[in-house]
PDB file of all heavy atoms in Angstrom:
ATOM      1  N   ILE A   1     105.279 112.783 117.693  1.00  0.00           N
ATOM      2  CA  ILE A   1     104.123 113.239 118.121  1.00  0.00           C
ATOM      3  C   ILE A   1     103.239 112.315 118.887  1.00  0.00           C
ATOM      4  O   ILE A   1     103.045 111.157 118.433  1.00  0.00           O
ATOM      5  CB  ILE A   1     103.333 113.845 116.906  1.00  0.00           C
ATOM      6  CG1 ILE A   1     104.201 114.909 116.193  1.00  0.00           C
ATOM      7  CG2 ILE A   1     101.952 114.238 117.135  1.00  0.00           C
ATOM      8  CD1 ILE A   1     103.703 115.215 114.881  1.00  0.00           C
ATOM      9  N   SER A   2     102.686 112.673 119.995  1.00  0.00           N
ATOM     10  CA  SER A   2     101.937 111.689 120.812  1.00  0.00           C
ATOM     11  C   SER A   2     100.668 112.253 121.334  1.00  0.00           C
ATOM     12  O   SER A   2     100.625 113.361 121.966  1.00  0.00           O
ATOM     13  CB  SER A   2     102.932 111.406 122.066  1.00  0.00           C
ATOM     14  OG  SER A   2     102.202 110.487 122.971  1.00  0.00           O
ATOM     15  N   PHE A   3      99.572 111.613 120.968  1.00  0.00           N
ATOM     16  CA  PHE A   3      98.255 111.944 121.446  1.00  0.00           C
ATOM     17  C   PHE A   3      97.987 111.154 122.777  1.00  0.00           C
ATOM     18  O   PHE A   3      98.282 109.811 122.727  1.00  0.00           O
ATOM     19  CB  PHE A   3      97.148 111.569 120.364  1.00  0.00           C
ATOM     20  CG  PHE A   3      97.112 112.521 119.194  1.00  0.00           C
ATOM     21  CD1 PHE A   3      97.934 112.255 118.069  1.00  0.00           C
ATOM     22  CD2 PHE A   3      96.488 113.761 119.200  1.00  0.00           C
ATOM     23  CE1 PHE A   3      97.969 113.053 117.028  1.00  0.00           C
ATOM     24  CE2 PHE A   3      96.466 114.518 118.105  1.00  0.00           C
ATOM     25  CZ  PHE A   3      97.254 114.247 116.934  1.00  0.00           C
ATOM     26  N   ASN A   4      97.491 111.829 123.798  1.00  0.00           N
ATOM     27  CA  ASN A   4      97.338 111.218 125.104  1.00  0.00           C
ATOM     28  C   ASN A   4      95.934 111.321 125.707  1.00  0.00           C
ATOM     29  O   ASN A   4      95.382 112.498 125.516  1.00  0.00           O
ATOM     30  CB  ASN A   4      98.379 111.705 126.065  1.00  0.00           C
ATOM     31  CG  ASN A   4      99.798 111.530 125.520  1.00  0.00           C
ATOM     32  OD1 ASN A   4     100.325 110.386 125.697  1.00  0.00           O
ATOM     33  ND2 ASN A   4     100.464 112.539 124.936  1.00  0.00           N
ATOM     34  N   GLY A   5      95.431 110.291 126.202  1.00  0.00           N
ATOM     35  CA  GLY A   5      94.203 110.320 126.852  1.00  0.00           C
ATOM     36  C   GLY A   5      94.024 109.402 128.109  1.00  0.00           C
ATOM     37  O   GLY A   5      95.149 108.921 128.575  1.00  0.00           O
ATOM     38  N   THR A   6      92.970 109.323 128.663  1.00  0.00           N
ATOM     39  CA  THR A   6      92.826 108.585 129.864  1.00  0.00           C
ATOM     40  C   THR A   6      92.721 107.028 129.572  1.00  0.00           C
ATOM     41  O   THR A   6      93.091 106.284 130.377  1.00  0.00           O
ATOM     42  CB  THR A   6      91.523 108.814 130.583  1.00  0.00           C
ATOM     43  OG1 THR A   6      90.372 108.684 129.748  1.00  0.00           O
ATOM     44  CG2 THR A   6      91.599 110.284 131.103  1.00  0.00           C
ATOM     45  N   GLY A   7      92.393 106.590 128.373  1.00  0.00           N
ATOM     46  CA  GLY A   7      92.219 105.158 127.949  1.00  0.00           C
ATOM     47  C   GLY A   7      91.034 104.583 128.718  1.00  0.00           C
ATOM     48  O   GLY A   7      90.337 105.232 129.418  1.00  0.00           O
ATOM     49  N   GLY A   8      90.801 103.283 128.475  1.00  0.00           N
ATOM     50  CA  GLY A   8      89.602 102.648 129.093  1.00  0.00           C
ATOM     51  C   GLY A   8      89.229 101.474 128.359  1.00  0.00           C
ATOM     52  O   GLY A   8      89.839 101.025 127.452  1.00  0.00           O
ATOM     53  N   HIS A   9      88.063 100.788 128.866  1.00  0.00           N
ATOM     54  CA  HIS A   9      87.586  99.602 128.297  1.00  0.00           C
ATOM     55  C   HIS A   9      86.910  99.949 127.055  1.00  0.00           C
ATOM     56  O   HIS A   9      86.147 100.930 126.890  1.00  0.00           O
ATOM     57  CB  HIS A   9      86.590  99.012 129.293  1.00  0.00           C
ATOM     58  CG  HIS A   9      86.206  97.576 129.007  1.00  0.00           C
ATOM     59  ND1 HIS A   9      85.268  97.292 128.005  1.00  0.00           N
ATOM     60  CD2 HIS A   9      86.639  96.313 129.343  1.00  0.00           C
ATOM     61  CE1 HIS A   9      85.135  95.982 127.925  1.00  0.00           C
ATOM     62  NE2 HIS A   9      85.961  95.421 128.723  1.00  0.00           N
ATOM     63  N   SER A  10      87.109  99.139 126.004  1.00  0.00           N
ATOM     64  CA  SER A  10      86.589  99.431 124.661  1.00  0.00           C
ATOM     65  C   SER A  10      84.955  99.522 124.655  1.00  0.00           C
ATOM     66  O   SER A  10      84.373 100.204 123.850  1.00  0.00           O
ATOM     67  CB  SER A  10      86.944  98.404 123.642  1.00  0.00           C
ATOM     68  OG  SER A  10      86.526  97.117 123.974  1.00  0.00           O
ATOM     69  N   SER A  11      84.303  98.810 125.561  1.00  0.00           N
ATOM     70  CA  SER A  11      82.807  98.738 125.610  1.00  0.00           C
ATOM     71  C   SER A  11      82.335  99.638 126.784  1.00  0.00           C
ATOM     72  O   SER A  11      81.562 100.595 126.651  1.00  0.00           O
ATOM     73  CB  SER A  11      82.322  97.337 125.832  1.00  0.00           C
ATOM     74  OG  SER A  11      80.903  97.330 125.939  1.00  0.00           O
ATOM     75  N   TYR A  12      82.845  99.422 127.981  1.00  0.00           N
ATOM     76  CA  TYR A  12      82.322 100.175 129.146  1.00  0.00           C
ATOM     77  C   TYR A  12      82.632 101.703 129.049  1.00  0.00           C
ATOM     78  O   TYR A  12      81.713 102.448 129.407  1.00  0.00           O
ATOM     79  CB  TYR A  12      83.164  99.590 130.381  1.00  0.00           C
ATOM     80  CG  TYR A  12      82.664 100.302 131.727  1.00  0.00           C
ATOM     81  CD1 TYR A  12      81.425 100.041 132.278  1.00  0.00           C
ATOM     82  CD2 TYR A  12      83.433 101.293 132.268  1.00  0.00           C
ATOM     83  CE1 TYR A  12      80.904 100.617 133.334  1.00  0.00           C
ATOM     84  CE2 TYR A  12      83.009 101.819 133.509  1.00  0.00           C
ATOM     85  CZ  TYR A  12      81.785 101.549 134.061  1.00  0.00           C
ATOM     86  OH  TYR A  12      81.387 102.130 135.096  1.00  0.00           O
ATOM     87  N   ASN A  13      83.725 102.055 128.392  1.00  0.00           N
ATOM     88  CA  ASN A  13      84.122 103.498 128.235  1.00  0.00           C
ATOM     89  C   ASN A  13      83.943 103.918 126.825  1.00  0.00           C
ATOM     90  O   ASN A  13      84.589 104.925 126.553  1.00  0.00           O
ATOM     91  CB  ASN A  13      85.574 103.709 128.680  1.00  0.00           C
ATOM     92  CG  ASN A  13      85.794 103.346 130.117  1.00  0.00           C
ATOM     93  OD1 ASN A  13      86.619 102.462 130.462  1.00  0.00           O
ATOM     94  ND2 ASN A  13      85.245 104.095 131.021  1.00  0.00           N
ATOM     95  N   PHE A  14      83.130 103.231 126.012  1.00  0.00           N
ATOM     96  CA  PHE A  14      82.923 103.636 124.672  1.00  0.00           C
ATOM     97  C   PHE A  14      82.446 105.078 124.628  1.00  0.00           C
ATOM     98  O   PHE A  14      81.477 105.449 125.397  1.00  0.00           O
ATOM     99  CB  PHE A  14      81.832 102.771 124.022  1.00  0.00           C
ATOM    100  CG  PHE A  14      81.536 103.207 122.641  1.00  0.00           C
ATOM    101  CD1 PHE A  14      82.406 102.990 121.550  1.00  0.00           C
ATOM    102  CD2 PHE A  14      80.293 103.836 122.346  1.00  0.00           C
ATOM    103  CE1 PHE A  14      82.099 103.278 120.246  1.00  0.00           C
ATOM    104  CE2 PHE A  14      80.083 104.160 121.016  1.00  0.00           C
ATOM    105  CZ  PHE A  14      80.896 103.976 120.003  1.00  0.00           C
ATOM    106  N   GLY A  15      83.055 105.859 123.755  1.00  0.00           N
ATOM    107  CA  GLY A  15      82.788 107.316 123.719  1.00  0.00           C
ATOM    108  C   GLY A  15      83.757 108.200 124.192  1.00  0.00           C
ATOM    109  O   GLY A  15      83.756 109.377 123.869  1.00  0.00           O
ATOM    110  N   PHE A  16      84.809 107.563 125.032  1.00  0.00           N
ATOM    111  CA  PHE A  16      85.998 108.364 125.287  1.00  0.00           C
ATOM    112  C   PHE A  16      86.748 108.766 124.007  1.00  0.00           C
ATOM    113  O   PHE A  16      86.664 108.068 123.041  1.00  0.00           O
ATOM    114  CB  PHE A  16      86.909 107.530 126.211  1.00  0.00           C
ATOM    115  CG  PHE A  16      86.508 107.506 127.592  1.00  0.00           C
ATOM    116  CD1 PHE A  16      85.186 107.876 128.094  1.00  0.00           C
ATOM    117  CD2 PHE A  16      87.416 107.108 128.672  1.00  0.00           C
ATOM    118  CE1 PHE A  16      84.827 107.778 129.433  1.00  0.00           C
ATOM    119  CE2 PHE A  16      87.071 107.069 129.935  1.00  0.00           C
ATOM    120  CZ  PHE A  16      85.849 107.348 130.404  1.00  0.00           C
ATOM    121  N   ALA A  17      87.418 109.829 124.154  1.00  0.00           N
ATOM    122  CA  ALA A  17      88.334 110.289 123.028  1.00  0.00           C
ATOM    123  C   ALA A  17      89.385 109.199 122.763  1.00  0.00           C
ATOM    124  O   ALA A  17      90.001 108.662 123.756  1.00  0.00           O
ATOM    125  CB  ALA A  17      88.922 111.608 123.327  1.00  0.00           C
ATOM    126  N   ASN A  18      89.625 108.861 121.554  1.00  0.00           N
ATOM    127  CA  ASN A  18      90.573 107.818 121.209  1.00  0.00           C
ATOM    128  C   ASN A  18      91.803 108.385 120.582  1.00  0.00           C
ATOM    129  O   ASN A  18      91.749 108.874 119.431  1.00  0.00           O
ATOM    130  CB  ASN A  18      89.869 106.747 120.312  1.00  0.00           C
ATOM    131  CG  ASN A  18      90.759 105.488 120.180  1.00  0.00           C
ATOM    132  OD1 ASN A  18      91.875 105.555 119.902  1.00  0.00           O
ATOM    133  ND2 ASN A  18      90.059 104.376 120.224  1.00  0.00           N
ATOM    134  N   PRO A  19      93.038 108.257 121.180  1.00  0.00           N
ATOM    135  CA  PRO A  19      94.257 108.713 120.594  1.00  0.00           C
ATOM    136  C   PRO A  19      94.542 108.190 119.179  1.00  0.00           C
ATOM    137  O   PRO A  19      95.160 108.800 118.412  1.00  0.00           O
ATOM    138  CB  PRO A  19      95.332 108.261 121.724  1.00  0.00           C
ATOM    139  CG  PRO A  19      94.614 108.233 122.961  1.00  0.00           C
ATOM    140  CD  PRO A  19      93.275 107.687 122.556  1.00  0.00           C
ATOM    141  N   HIS A  20      94.255 106.940 119.016  1.00  0.00           N
ATOM    142  CA  HIS A  20      94.439 106.190 117.700  1.00  0.00           C
ATOM    143  C   HIS A  20      93.619 106.942 116.526  1.00  0.00           C
ATOM    144  O   HIS A  20      94.175 107.299 115.465  1.00  0.00           O
ATOM    145  CB  HIS A  20      94.141 104.819 117.628  1.00  0.00           C
ATOM    146  CG  HIS A  20      95.115 103.932 118.307  1.00  0.00           C
ATOM    147  ND1 HIS A  20      96.317 104.341 118.724  1.00  0.00           N
ATOM    148  CD2 HIS A  20      95.093 102.683 118.647  1.00  0.00           C
ATOM    149  CE1 HIS A  20      97.054 103.418 119.216  1.00  0.00           C
ATOM    150  NE2 HIS A  20      96.250 102.294 119.246  1.00  0.00           N
ATOM    151  N   ASN A  21      92.434 107.365 116.841  1.00  0.00           N
ATOM    152  CA  ASN A  21      91.639 108.068 115.965  1.00  0.00           C
ATOM    153  C   ASN A  21      92.230 109.381 115.624  1.00  0.00           C
ATOM    154  O   ASN A  21      92.265 109.828 114.318  1.00  0.00           O
ATOM    155  CB  ASN A  21      90.183 108.386 116.500  1.00  0.00           C
ATOM    156  CG  ASN A  21      89.347 107.069 116.766  1.00  0.00           C
ATOM    157  OD1 ASN A  21      89.829 106.035 116.293  1.00  0.00           O
ATOM    158  ND2 ASN A  21      88.229 107.277 117.421  1.00  0.00           N
ATOM    159  N   ALA A  22      92.715 110.105 116.536  1.00  0.00           N
ATOM    160  CA  ALA A  22      93.385 111.369 116.320  1.00  0.00           C
ATOM    161  C   ALA A  22      94.548 111.279 115.464  1.00  0.00           C
ATOM    162  O   ALA A  22      94.892 111.927 114.584  1.00  0.00           O
ATOM    163  CB  ALA A  22      93.617 112.072 117.670  1.00  0.00           C
ATOM    164  N   LEU A  23      95.435 110.166 115.847  1.00  0.00           N
ATOM    165  CA  LEU A  23      96.612 110.000 115.084  1.00  0.00           C
ATOM    166  C   LEU A  23      96.326 109.674 113.611  1.00  0.00           C
ATOM    167  O   LEU A  23      97.047 110.184 112.777  1.00  0.00           O
ATOM    168  CB  LEU A  23      97.395 108.756 115.747  1.00  0.00           C
ATOM    169  CG  LEU A  23      98.842 108.570 115.066  1.00  0.00           C
ATOM    170  CD1 LEU A  23      99.822 109.667 115.539  1.00  0.00           C
ATOM    171  CD2 LEU A  23      99.400 107.208 115.447  1.00  0.00           C
ATOM    172  N   GLY A  24      95.350 108.806 113.453  1.00  0.00           N
ATOM    173  CA  GLY A  24      94.942 108.503 112.008  1.00  0.00           C
ATOM    174  C   GLY A  24      94.513 109.731 111.281  1.00  0.00           C
ATOM    175  O   GLY A  24      94.806 109.923 110.164  1.00  0.00           O
ATOM    176  N   ARG A  25      93.719 110.579 111.886  1.00  0.00           N
ATOM    177  CA  ARG A  25      93.312 111.818 111.238  1.00  0.00           C
ATOM    178  C   ARG A  25      94.578 112.680 110.979  1.00  0.00           C
ATOM    179  O   ARG A  25      94.634 113.235 109.855  1.00  0.00           O
ATOM    180  CB  ARG A  25      92.390 112.684 112.171  1.00  0.00           C
ATOM    181  CG  ARG A  25      90.971 112.142 112.199  1.00  0.00           C
ATOM    182  CD  ARG A  25      90.137 113.169 112.927  1.00  0.00           C
ATOM    183  NE  ARG A  25      88.629 112.688 113.002  1.00  0.00           N
ATOM    184  CZ  ARG A  25      88.278 111.948 113.993  1.00  0.00           C
ATOM    185  NH1 ARG A  25      88.931 111.747 115.041  1.00  0.00           N
ATOM    186  NH2 ARG A  25      86.986 111.636 113.946  1.00  0.00           N
ATOM    187  N   ALA A  26      95.412 112.799 111.834  1.00  0.00           N
ATOM    188  CA  ALA A  26      96.626 113.667 111.645  1.00  0.00           C
ATOM    189  C   ALA A  26      97.496 113.148 110.497  1.00  0.00           C
ATOM    190  O   ALA A  26      97.949 113.973 109.695  1.00  0.00           O
ATOM    191  CB  ALA A  26      97.483 113.843 112.915  1.00  0.00           C
ATOM    192  N   ILE A  27      97.676 111.873 110.421  1.00  0.00           N
ATOM    193  CA  ILE A  27      98.438 111.208 109.345  1.00  0.00           C
ATOM    194  C   ILE A  27      97.749 111.506 107.974  1.00  0.00           C
ATOM    195  O   ILE A  27      98.368 111.867 106.997  1.00  0.00           O
ATOM    196  CB  ILE A  27      98.593 109.792 109.535  1.00  0.00           C
ATOM    197  CG1 ILE A  27      99.520 109.437 110.707  1.00  0.00           C
ATOM    198  CG2 ILE A  27      99.141 109.155 108.186  1.00  0.00           C
ATOM    199  CD1 ILE A  27      99.703 107.985 111.066  1.00  0.00           C
ATOM    200  N   HIS A  28      96.317 111.407 107.997  1.00  0.00           N
ATOM    201  CA  HIS A  28      95.628 111.596 106.698  1.00  0.00           C
ATOM    202  C   HIS A  28      95.759 113.092 106.337  1.00  0.00           C
ATOM    203  O   HIS A  28      96.129 113.507 105.151  1.00  0.00           O
ATOM    204  CB  HIS A  28      94.149 111.303 106.999  1.00  0.00           C
ATOM    205  CG  HIS A  28      93.238 111.722 105.863  1.00  0.00           C
ATOM    206  ND1 HIS A  28      93.414 111.129 104.627  1.00  0.00           N
ATOM    207  CD2 HIS A  28      92.387 112.827 105.717  1.00  0.00           C
ATOM    208  CE1 HIS A  28      92.492 111.770 103.729  1.00  0.00           C
ATOM    209  NE2 HIS A  28      91.871 112.731 104.455  1.00  0.00           N
ATOM    210  N   TYR A  29      95.537 113.979 107.276  1.00  0.00           N
ATOM    211  CA  TYR A  29      95.531 115.439 106.867  1.00  0.00           C
ATOM    212  C   TYR A  29      96.846 115.941 106.502  1.00  0.00           C
ATOM    213  O   TYR A  29      97.027 116.656 105.461  1.00  0.00           O
ATOM    214  CB  TYR A  29      95.028 116.297 108.067  1.00  0.00           C
ATOM    215  CG  TYR A  29      93.611 116.065 108.369  1.00  0.00           C
ATOM    216  CD1 TYR A  29      93.150 116.099 109.741  1.00  0.00           C
ATOM    217  CD2 TYR A  29      92.568 115.907 107.429  1.00  0.00           C
ATOM    218  CE1 TYR A  29      91.750 115.979 110.078  1.00  0.00           C
ATOM    219  CE2 TYR A  29      91.259 115.724 107.813  1.00  0.00           C
ATOM    220  CZ  TYR A  29      90.774 115.655 109.045  1.00  0.00           C
ATOM    221  OH  TYR A  29      89.495 115.565 109.404  1.00  0.00           O
ATOM    222  N   TRP A  30      97.940 115.386 107.205  1.00  0.00           N
ATOM    223  CA  TRP A  30      99.276 115.809 106.731  1.00  0.00           C
ATOM    224  C   TRP A  30      99.710 115.253 105.419  1.00  0.00           C
ATOM    225  O   TRP A  30     100.246 115.926 104.615  1.00  0.00           O
ATOM    226  CB  TRP A  30     100.287 115.514 107.920  1.00  0.00           C
ATOM    227  CG  TRP A  30     101.681 115.910 107.635  1.00  0.00           C
ATOM    228  CD1 TRP A  30     101.978 117.193 107.262  1.00  0.00           C
ATOM    229  CD2 TRP A  30     102.894 115.242 107.591  1.00  0.00           C
ATOM    230  NE1 TRP A  30     103.411 117.311 106.975  1.00  0.00           N
ATOM    231  CE2 TRP A  30     103.891 116.202 107.343  1.00  0.00           C
ATOM    232  CE3 TRP A  30     103.235 113.978 107.935  1.00  0.00           C
ATOM    233  CZ2 TRP A  30     105.296 115.804 107.245  1.00  0.00           C
ATOM    234  CZ3 TRP A  30     104.666 113.552 107.920  1.00  0.00           C
ATOM    235  CH2 TRP A  30     105.583 114.479 107.657  1.00  0.00           C
ATOM    236  N   SER A  31      99.462 113.984 105.302  1.00  0.00           N
ATOM    237  CA  SER A  31      99.963 113.283 103.953  1.00  0.00           C
ATOM    238  C   SER A  31      99.254 113.908 102.788  1.00  0.00           C
ATOM    239  O   SER A  31      99.869 114.035 101.701  1.00  0.00           O
ATOM    240  CB  SER A  31      99.700 111.886 104.092  1.00  0.00           C
ATOM    241  OG  SER A  31      98.201 111.469 104.221  1.00  0.00           O
ATOM    242  N   ALA A  32      97.843 114.235 102.956  1.00  0.00           N
ATOM    243  CA  ALA A  32      97.235 114.890 101.843  1.00  0.00           C
ATOM    244  C   ALA A  32      97.748 116.194 101.432  1.00  0.00           C
ATOM    245  O   ALA A  32      97.971 116.533 100.341  1.00  0.00           O
ATOM    246  CB  ALA A  32      95.675 115.012 102.173  1.00  0.00           C
ATOM    247  N   ALA A  33      97.962 117.037 102.563  1.00  0.00           N
ATOM    248  CA  ALA A  33      98.447 118.381 102.272  1.00  0.00           C
ATOM    249  C   ALA A  33      99.946 118.383 101.854  1.00  0.00           C
ATOM    250  O   ALA A  33     100.366 119.092 100.796  1.00  0.00           O
ATOM    251  CB  ALA A  33      98.366 119.272 103.462  1.00  0.00           C
ATOM    252  N   ALA A  34     100.681 117.507 102.448  1.00  0.00           N
ATOM    253  CA  ALA A  34     102.049 117.313 102.116  1.00  0.00           C
ATOM    254  C   ALA A  34     102.277 116.904 100.675  1.00  0.00           C
ATOM    255  O   ALA A  34     103.324 117.363 100.018  1.00  0.00           O
ATOM    256  CB  ALA A  34     102.806 116.383 103.184  1.00  0.00           C
ATOM    257  N   ASP A  35     101.473 115.885 100.276  1.00  0.00           N
ATOM    258  CA  ASP A  35     101.650 115.405  98.902  1.00  0.00           C
ATOM    259  C   ASP A  35     101.453 116.572  97.915  1.00  0.00           C
ATOM    260  O   ASP A  35     102.144 116.556  96.905  1.00  0.00           O
ATOM    261  CB  ASP A  35     100.741 114.329  98.623  1.00  0.00           C
ATOM    262  CG  ASP A  35     101.011 113.422  97.373  1.00  0.00           C
ATOM    263  OD1 ASP A  35     102.207 112.969  97.361  1.00  0.00           O
ATOM    264  OD2 ASP A  35     100.207 113.416  96.470  1.00  0.00           O
ATOM    265  N   SER A  36     100.425 117.333  98.220  1.00  0.00           N
ATOM    266  CA  SER A  36     100.226 118.575  97.320  1.00  0.00           C
ATOM    267  C   SER A  36     101.408 119.395  97.255  1.00  0.00           C
ATOM    268  O   SER A  36     101.823 119.937  96.115  1.00  0.00           O
ATOM    269  CB  SER A  36      98.929 119.282  97.858  1.00  0.00           C
ATOM    270  OG  SER A  36      97.730 118.502  97.584  1.00  0.00           O
TER     271      SER A  36
END
């Protein structure tokens, strides 16, 4: 599973959607539901 975006500078482009954030959420939501 791959989340993809434009990427950018951590300061100059702050506020862009971040694929790592999405991946972290996906792992959390899946692991919580899957564990149940």
